[in-house]
Amino acid sequence: MQPPVGSRVFAVVVAYQPDTGVLRALLDVLLAQTDGVLVVDNTPADDRRVETLCAALPHDALRLIRLGENLGIAHALNVGIGAALTTGATHVLLSDQDSLPAPGMVAALLAAMDDLQHAGQRVGAVGPTYTDRHTDITFPFQTEVQGKFFYGHRRPDATHPIIEALTLITSGTLIPASVLREVGPMREDFFIDHVDIEWSHRARAAGFSLFGVGAAAMFHSMGDHMLRSWRLGWRNESAYSPVRVYYRIRNFVALCRMPRIRRRWKLRSAVYWVYFVYVQTVFGQQRLAALRMAARGLRDGLRGRMGPWQG
C-alpha cells in the first residue's frame, strides 16, 4: 500500500520515564514508516534515559526535544506538533510511548485518508484499530448507529473496513497539517487524559469527520496493568493509579460542561465512568486512594479547577 505522492508524515512521540526497551521498539517501527520522528520528553531533567536511548539511534530523521519536567501530555503534543509543522509535515502521527504499530500501519492510514478525501469526505483524522497489551482486548470505535439514541460500538470488518468514529485515541491518530491549524492545539489544562477526546469533539464541531481504519492495526497499553472485575461475570480491565483516576474523572466532568458536545454522548459516557470508578475502587490495589481521588476529580471538574494535580 503506497502513500499518496507528496505526503510527508512526521510522528510525535510523548515520553515520560519510559521502559526504554518498549520505546526503542516503537521508534524503530516509526522511523521505518514515517519521514521523521520527534520525541518530546516530559521526563525530569536528571533522568537521562530517553536522551541516552535517542543518542544510541544514529538516525538523521530522529529528533529529541527535552522539556526537563512533566508539563503534561497535551503541552508535549503541542510542542511536537509545532516542530513537525515547522519542518514541513503534511500529516502528523501522534503516539504514546507504549504503543507498537503493526507493519504498514502508517501507509494504510494515509491510503484510507486519501480514499476518503477523494470520496468527498472532510477528514479530520484517521486512526487504527488497537489491541490492549494488558488485556488482549481489541477495542471497537464509538460510532452513531442508526436507530440508537446513544452511541454504539463497531469494529471494522470486510463489509465496513472504515468506520466513522465519534472519537479517536491519541496514539496512532494521523491528522493532516491543515486540520491541526484549523482546529487548533490540544487543551493543555487537561494535562493528561481525555485530551484526545476533547480534540475529537472540537474537530467534529468544526465540520470534520473522524474514521477508524480496519487495515491499520496497533498494540497499545491501556492503564498500568490488568485487573479482574465482576460485572455479570469476571472480566479483564485496565488498572489505573489513583492520580490517573483523578484526571480521568475530572476531565470527563470538564467535557460534560462543554455545550458543543452532545448531551446523549455525555449521558452514555457517564454510565461507563460510573463503572470505571466501581472497578478501580472495588477491585484495584489502592481502593481507598482511588475513591478519594475520584471524589476530588468530581469536585475539581465541577469547579473548573484544571491543570496539573497539585497534591
Protein backbone atom coordinates (compact mmCIF):
# COMPACT_ATOMS: atom_id res chain seq x y z
CA MET A 1 0.00 0.00 0.00
CA GLN A 2 1.71 3.17 -1.24
CA PRO A 3 1.24 6.55 0.48
CA PRO A 4 -0.10 9.45 -1.59
CA VAL A 5 2.51 11.29 -3.62
CA GLY A 6 3.91 14.34 -1.83
CA SER A 7 2.91 13.33 1.67
CA ARG A 8 5.39 13.93 4.49
CA VAL A 9 4.43 12.23 7.73
CA PHE A 10 6.18 13.14 10.97
CA ALA A 11 5.47 11.22 14.16
CA VAL A 12 5.28 12.92 17.56
CA VAL A 13 6.04 10.61 20.49
CA VAL A 14 5.50 11.83 24.04
CA ALA A 15 7.80 10.17 26.60
CA TYR A 16 7.70 10.15 30.38
CA GLN A 17 10.01 7.84 32.34
CA PRO A 18 9.51 5.12 29.73
CA ASP A 19 10.53 1.49 29.56
CA THR A 20 13.39 2.09 27.12
CA GLY A 21 13.04 -1.34 25.53
CA VAL A 22 9.40 -0.64 24.66
CA LEU A 23 10.23 2.87 23.46
CA ARG A 24 13.11 1.58 21.32
CA ALA A 25 10.80 -0.88 19.56
CA LEU A 26 8.32 1.92 18.87
CA LEU A 27 10.98 4.28 17.50
CA ASP A 28 12.39 1.59 15.21
CA VAL A 29 8.95 1.00 13.71
CA LEU A 30 8.10 4.68 13.33
CA LEU A 31 11.44 5.53 11.75
CA ALA A 32 10.74 2.84 9.16
CA GLN A 33 7.19 4.07 8.42
CA THR A 34 7.46 7.88 8.56
CA ASP A 35 9.60 10.72 7.26
CA GLY A 36 10.74 11.71 10.74
CA VAL A 37 10.15 11.17 14.45
CA LEU A 38 10.05 13.88 17.10
CA VAL A 39 10.38 12.59 20.67
CA VAL A 40 9.12 15.11 23.23
CA ASP A 41 10.47 14.10 26.64
CA ASN A 42 8.49 15.04 29.76
CA THR A 43 10.92 13.13 31.97
CA PRO A 44 12.63 15.23 34.71
CA ALA A 45 15.97 16.71 33.70
CA ASP A 46 18.07 14.50 35.98
CA ASP A 47 16.70 11.33 34.30
CA ARG A 48 18.56 10.96 31.01
CA ARG A 49 17.21 7.58 29.87
CA VAL A 50 15.39 8.96 26.81
CA GLU A 51 18.36 11.10 25.82
CA THR A 52 20.68 8.09 26.10
CA LEU A 53 18.34 5.97 24.01
CA CYS A 54 17.98 8.54 21.24
CA ALA A 55 21.74 9.12 21.16
CA ALA A 56 22.21 5.40 20.55
CA LEU A 57 19.99 5.55 17.45
CA PRO A 58 22.14 7.01 14.64
CA HIS A 59 19.25 8.24 12.54
CA ASP A 60 19.03 11.71 11.00
CA ALA A 61 15.24 11.53 11.00
CA LEU A 62 15.07 11.30 14.80
CA ARG A 63 14.94 14.45 16.91
CA LEU A 64 14.69 14.73 20.69
CA ILE A 65 13.07 17.70 22.46
CA ARG A 66 13.65 17.63 26.22
CA LEU A 67 11.24 19.66 28.35
CA GLY A 68 13.07 18.93 31.63
CA GLU A 69 9.89 18.34 33.65
CA ASN A 70 6.46 16.80 33.28
CA LEU A 71 4.38 19.52 31.65
CA GLY A 72 1.61 17.13 30.62
CA ILE A 73 0.86 15.17 27.51
CA ALA A 74 -1.14 17.99 25.92
CA HIS A 75 1.73 20.50 26.17
CA ALA A 76 4.22 17.93 24.89
CA LEU A 77 1.97 17.10 21.94
CA ASN A 78 1.63 20.78 21.09
CA VAL A 79 5.41 21.24 21.19
CA GLY A 80 5.91 18.24 18.93
CA ILE A 81 3.14 19.22 16.54
CA GLY A 82 4.56 22.72 16.24
CA ALA A 83 8.00 21.33 15.44
CA ALA A 84 6.55 18.91 12.88
CA LEU A 85 4.61 21.66 11.11
CA THR A 86 7.68 23.89 11.06
CA THR A 87 9.64 21.03 9.49
CA GLY A 88 7.12 20.82 6.66
CA ALA A 89 4.92 17.89 7.65
CA THR A 90 1.79 17.38 5.57
CA HIS A 91 0.48 14.95 8.22
CA VAL A 92 1.29 14.39 11.88
CA LEU A 93 1.06 10.98 13.55
CA LEU A 94 0.58 11.12 17.32
CA SER A 95 1.90 8.36 19.56
CA ASP A 96 2.20 7.39 23.19
CA GLN A 97 5.46 5.82 24.34
CA ASP A 98 3.98 2.36 24.93
CA SER A 99 2.36 1.71 21.56
CA LEU A 100 3.60 -0.52 18.75
CA PRO A 101 2.22 -0.02 15.22
CA ALA A 102 1.81 -3.09 13.04
CA PRO A 103 3.75 -3.24 9.75
CA GLY A 104 2.27 -0.87 7.20
CA MET A 105 0.06 0.97 9.70
CA VAL A 106 1.02 4.48 8.57
CA ALA A 107 0.70 3.63 4.87
CA ALA A 108 -2.75 2.12 5.50
CA LEU A 109 -3.87 5.24 7.37
CA LEU A 110 -2.60 7.52 4.60
CA ALA A 111 -4.25 5.44 1.88
CA ALA A 112 -7.58 5.39 3.74
CA MET A 113 -7.45 9.14 4.26
CA ASP A 114 -6.67 9.69 0.58
CA ASP A 115 -9.60 7.49 -0.50
CA LEU A 116 -11.97 9.26 1.90
CA GLN A 117 -10.90 12.70 0.72
CA HIS A 118 -11.34 11.70 -2.93
CA ALA A 119 -14.83 10.49 -1.99
CA GLY A 120 -15.65 13.99 -0.77
CA GLN A 121 -15.21 13.48 2.97
CA ARG A 122 -13.85 16.34 5.08
CA VAL A 123 -11.41 14.16 7.02
CA GLY A 124 -10.21 15.45 10.37
CA ALA A 125 -8.21 12.39 11.39
CA VAL A 126 -7.92 8.64 10.93
CA GLY A 127 -6.85 6.06 13.50
CA PRO A 128 -6.00 2.36 13.64
CA THR A 129 -7.74 -0.46 15.44
CA TYR A 130 -5.84 -1.12 18.65
CA THR A 131 -5.37 -4.07 20.96
CA ASP A 132 -4.58 -3.57 24.64
CA ARG A 133 -1.36 -5.33 25.62
CA HIS A 134 -2.60 -5.95 29.18
CA THR A 135 -5.99 -7.49 28.42
CA ASP A 136 -5.66 -8.59 24.75
CA ILE A 137 -8.92 -6.76 24.07
CA THR A 138 -9.25 -5.22 20.61
CA PHE A 139 -11.35 -2.13 21.13
CA PRO A 140 -14.18 -1.04 18.83
CA PHE A 141 -14.83 2.54 17.79
CA GLN A 142 -17.54 4.75 19.25
CA THR A 143 -19.97 5.43 16.42
CA GLU A 144 -23.50 6.58 15.78
CA VAL A 145 -25.76 3.63 14.98
CA GLN A 146 -28.99 4.17 13.09
CA GLY A 147 -31.97 3.74 15.37
CA LYS A 148 -29.98 4.20 18.59
CA PHE A 149 -30.31 7.32 20.71
CA PHE A 150 -26.97 6.70 22.41
CA TYR A 151 -23.80 5.92 20.50
CA GLY A 152 -22.85 2.35 19.76
CA HIS A 153 -19.61 0.47 19.19
CA ARG A 154 -18.41 -1.10 15.97
CA ARG A 155 -15.28 -2.81 14.72
CA PRO A 156 -14.24 -2.56 11.07
CA ASP A 157 -14.93 -5.70 9.05
CA ALA A 158 -14.92 -6.87 5.43
CA THR A 159 -18.23 -5.11 4.76
CA HIS A 160 -17.28 -1.89 6.57
CA PRO A 161 -13.45 -1.64 6.52
CA ILE A 162 -13.61 2.01 7.60
CA ILE A 163 -15.85 3.22 10.43
CA GLU A 164 -16.86 6.83 11.01
CA ALA A 165 -15.99 7.36 14.67
CA LEU A 166 -17.09 9.87 17.28
CA THR A 167 -13.65 9.99 18.91
CA LEU A 168 -10.14 8.62 18.40
CA ILE A 169 -7.45 7.94 20.98
CA THR A 170 -4.21 9.92 20.77
CA SER A 171 -1.88 7.07 19.90
CA GLY A 172 -1.90 6.12 16.24
CA THR A 173 -4.04 9.07 15.16
CA LEU A 174 -2.97 10.64 11.86
CA ILE A 175 -4.02 14.26 11.30
CA PRO A 176 -3.48 16.49 8.24
CA ALA A 177 -1.44 19.61 8.93
CA SER A 178 -4.24 21.83 7.60
CA VAL A 179 -6.69 20.34 10.12
CA LEU A 180 -4.29 20.91 13.02
CA ARG A 181 -4.00 24.55 12.02
CA GLU A 182 -7.77 25.00 11.70
CA VAL A 183 -8.97 23.06 14.76
CA GLY A 184 -6.17 24.29 16.99
CA PRO A 185 -3.88 22.80 19.65
CA MET A 186 -4.58 20.27 22.38
CA ARG A 187 -6.11 21.63 25.59
CA GLU A 188 -3.12 21.96 27.91
CA ASP A 189 -5.22 22.49 31.04
CA PHE A 190 -6.42 18.88 30.68
CA PHE A 191 -2.77 17.87 31.32
CA ILE A 192 -3.42 14.16 30.70
CA ASP A 193 -6.48 12.00 29.90
CA HIS A 194 -9.32 12.98 27.55
CA VAL A 195 -7.01 15.36 25.67
CA ASP A 196 -7.76 13.31 22.55
CA ILE A 197 -11.49 13.12 23.30
CA GLU A 198 -11.81 16.90 23.69
CA TRP A 199 -9.90 17.48 20.44
CA SER A 200 -12.05 14.89 18.64
CA HIS A 201 -15.26 16.66 19.66
CA ARG A 202 -13.78 20.02 18.71
CA ALA A 203 -12.79 18.73 15.27
CA ARG A 204 -16.27 17.31 14.67
CA ALA A 205 -17.86 20.58 15.81
CA ALA A 206 -15.71 22.32 13.17
CA GLY A 207 -17.22 20.11 10.46
CA PHE A 208 -14.59 17.38 10.18
CA SER A 209 -15.19 13.63 10.33
CA LEU A 210 -13.06 11.04 12.11
CA PHE A 211 -12.52 7.47 10.91
CA GLY A 212 -11.25 4.17 12.27
CA VAL A 213 -9.36 2.10 9.71
CA GLY A 214 -9.52 -1.69 9.82
CA ALA A 215 -6.44 -2.18 7.63
CA ALA A 216 -4.30 -0.28 10.16
CA ALA A 217 -3.51 -2.03 13.45
CA MET A 218 -1.60 -1.15 16.61
CA PHE A 219 -0.82 -2.63 20.01
CA HIS A 220 -1.22 -0.25 22.91
CA SER A 221 -1.05 -0.31 26.71
CA MET A 222 -4.18 0.94 28.42
CA GLY A 223 -3.59 1.72 32.09
CA ASP A 224 -0.81 0.31 34.27
CA HIS A 225 -1.66 -3.38 34.33
CA MET A 226 -4.59 -5.78 34.14
CA LEU A 227 -7.08 -6.43 36.92
CA ARG A 228 -10.07 -8.72 37.20
CA SER A 229 -13.51 -7.28 37.93
CA TRP A 230 -17.03 -8.59 38.22
CA ARG A 231 -19.96 -7.44 36.08
CA LEU A 232 -22.31 -10.34 35.40
CA GLY A 233 -19.16 -12.43 35.15
CA TRP A 234 -15.44 -11.92 35.58
CA ARG A 235 -13.81 -9.53 33.13
CA ASN A 236 -10.34 -8.22 32.36
CA GLU A 237 -9.97 -4.47 32.89
CA SER A 238 -7.13 -1.95 32.91
CA ALA A 239 -5.93 -0.71 36.29
CA TYR A 240 -5.01 2.94 36.86
CA SER A 241 -3.15 4.74 39.62
CA PRO A 242 -5.23 6.99 41.93
CA VAL A 243 -3.78 10.09 40.25
CA ARG A 244 -4.90 8.83 36.85
CA VAL A 245 -8.35 8.13 38.32
CA TYR A 246 -8.42 11.79 39.38
CA TYR A 247 -7.55 13.09 35.91
CA ARG A 248 -9.94 10.75 34.12
CA ILE A 249 -12.91 11.73 36.28
CA ARG A 250 -12.08 15.44 36.48
CA ASN A 251 -11.57 15.79 32.76
CA PHE A 252 -14.72 13.85 31.91
CA VAL A 253 -16.68 16.27 34.11
CA ALA A 254 -14.98 19.12 32.23
CA LEU A 255 -16.15 17.58 28.94
CA CYS A 256 -19.70 17.42 30.30
CA ARG A 257 -19.62 21.18 30.88
CA MET A 258 -18.89 21.88 27.20
CA PRO A 259 -22.04 22.85 25.27
CA ARG A 260 -20.65 21.77 21.89
CA ILE A 261 -20.59 18.12 22.98
CA ARG A 262 -23.92 16.35 22.51
CA ARG A 263 -25.88 15.56 25.66
CA ARG A 264 -26.52 11.98 24.58
CA TRP A 265 -22.77 11.35 24.32
CA LYS A 266 -22.34 12.72 27.83
CA LEU A 267 -25.13 10.57 29.25
CA ARG A 268 -23.90 7.37 27.62
CA SER A 269 -20.30 8.06 28.63
CA ALA A 270 -21.34 8.77 32.22
CA VAL A 271 -22.51 5.15 32.52
CA TYR A 272 -19.03 3.96 31.57
CA TRP A 273 -17.32 6.30 34.04
CA VAL A 274 -19.52 5.18 36.92
CA TYR A 275 -18.49 1.62 36.04
CA PHE A 276 -14.84 2.74 35.83
CA VAL A 277 -14.95 4.11 39.38
CA TYR A 278 -16.60 0.89 40.55
CA VAL A 279 -13.79 -1.21 39.02
CA GLN A 280 -10.94 0.91 40.39
CA THR A 281 -12.39 1.32 43.90
CA VAL A 282 -13.65 -2.25 44.41
CA PHE A 283 -11.05 -4.36 42.59
CA GLY A 284 -7.99 -2.10 42.37
CA GLN A 285 -4.90 -2.33 44.55
CA GLN A 286 -5.33 1.17 46.05
CA ARG A 287 -9.08 1.22 46.54
CA LEU A 288 -9.49 3.92 49.18
CA ALA A 289 -6.99 6.21 47.48
CA ALA A 290 -8.77 5.71 44.17
CA LEU A 291 -12.12 6.55 45.78
CA ARG A 292 -10.72 9.73 47.34
CA MET A 293 -9.16 10.81 44.06
CA ALA A 294 -12.36 10.09 42.13
CA ALA A 295 -14.25 12.32 44.56
CA ARG A 296 -11.59 15.01 44.26
CA GLY A 297 -11.74 14.76 40.47
CA LEU A 298 -15.52 15.18 40.52
CA ARG A 299 -15.23 18.22 42.78
CA ASP A 300 -12.46 19.91 40.78
CA GLY A 301 -14.23 19.17 37.50
CA LEU A 302 -17.42 20.82 38.74
CA ARG A 303 -15.42 23.81 39.97
CA GLY A 304 -13.48 24.11 36.72
CA ARG A 305 -10.18 23.61 38.51
CA MET A 306 -7.91 22.27 35.78
CA GLY A 307 -4.16 21.90 35.14
CA PRO A 308 -1.75 19.52 36.90
CA TRP A 309 -2.70 17.74 40.11
CA GLN A 310 -1.43 19.84 42.99
CA GLY A 311 -1.35 17.12 45.66
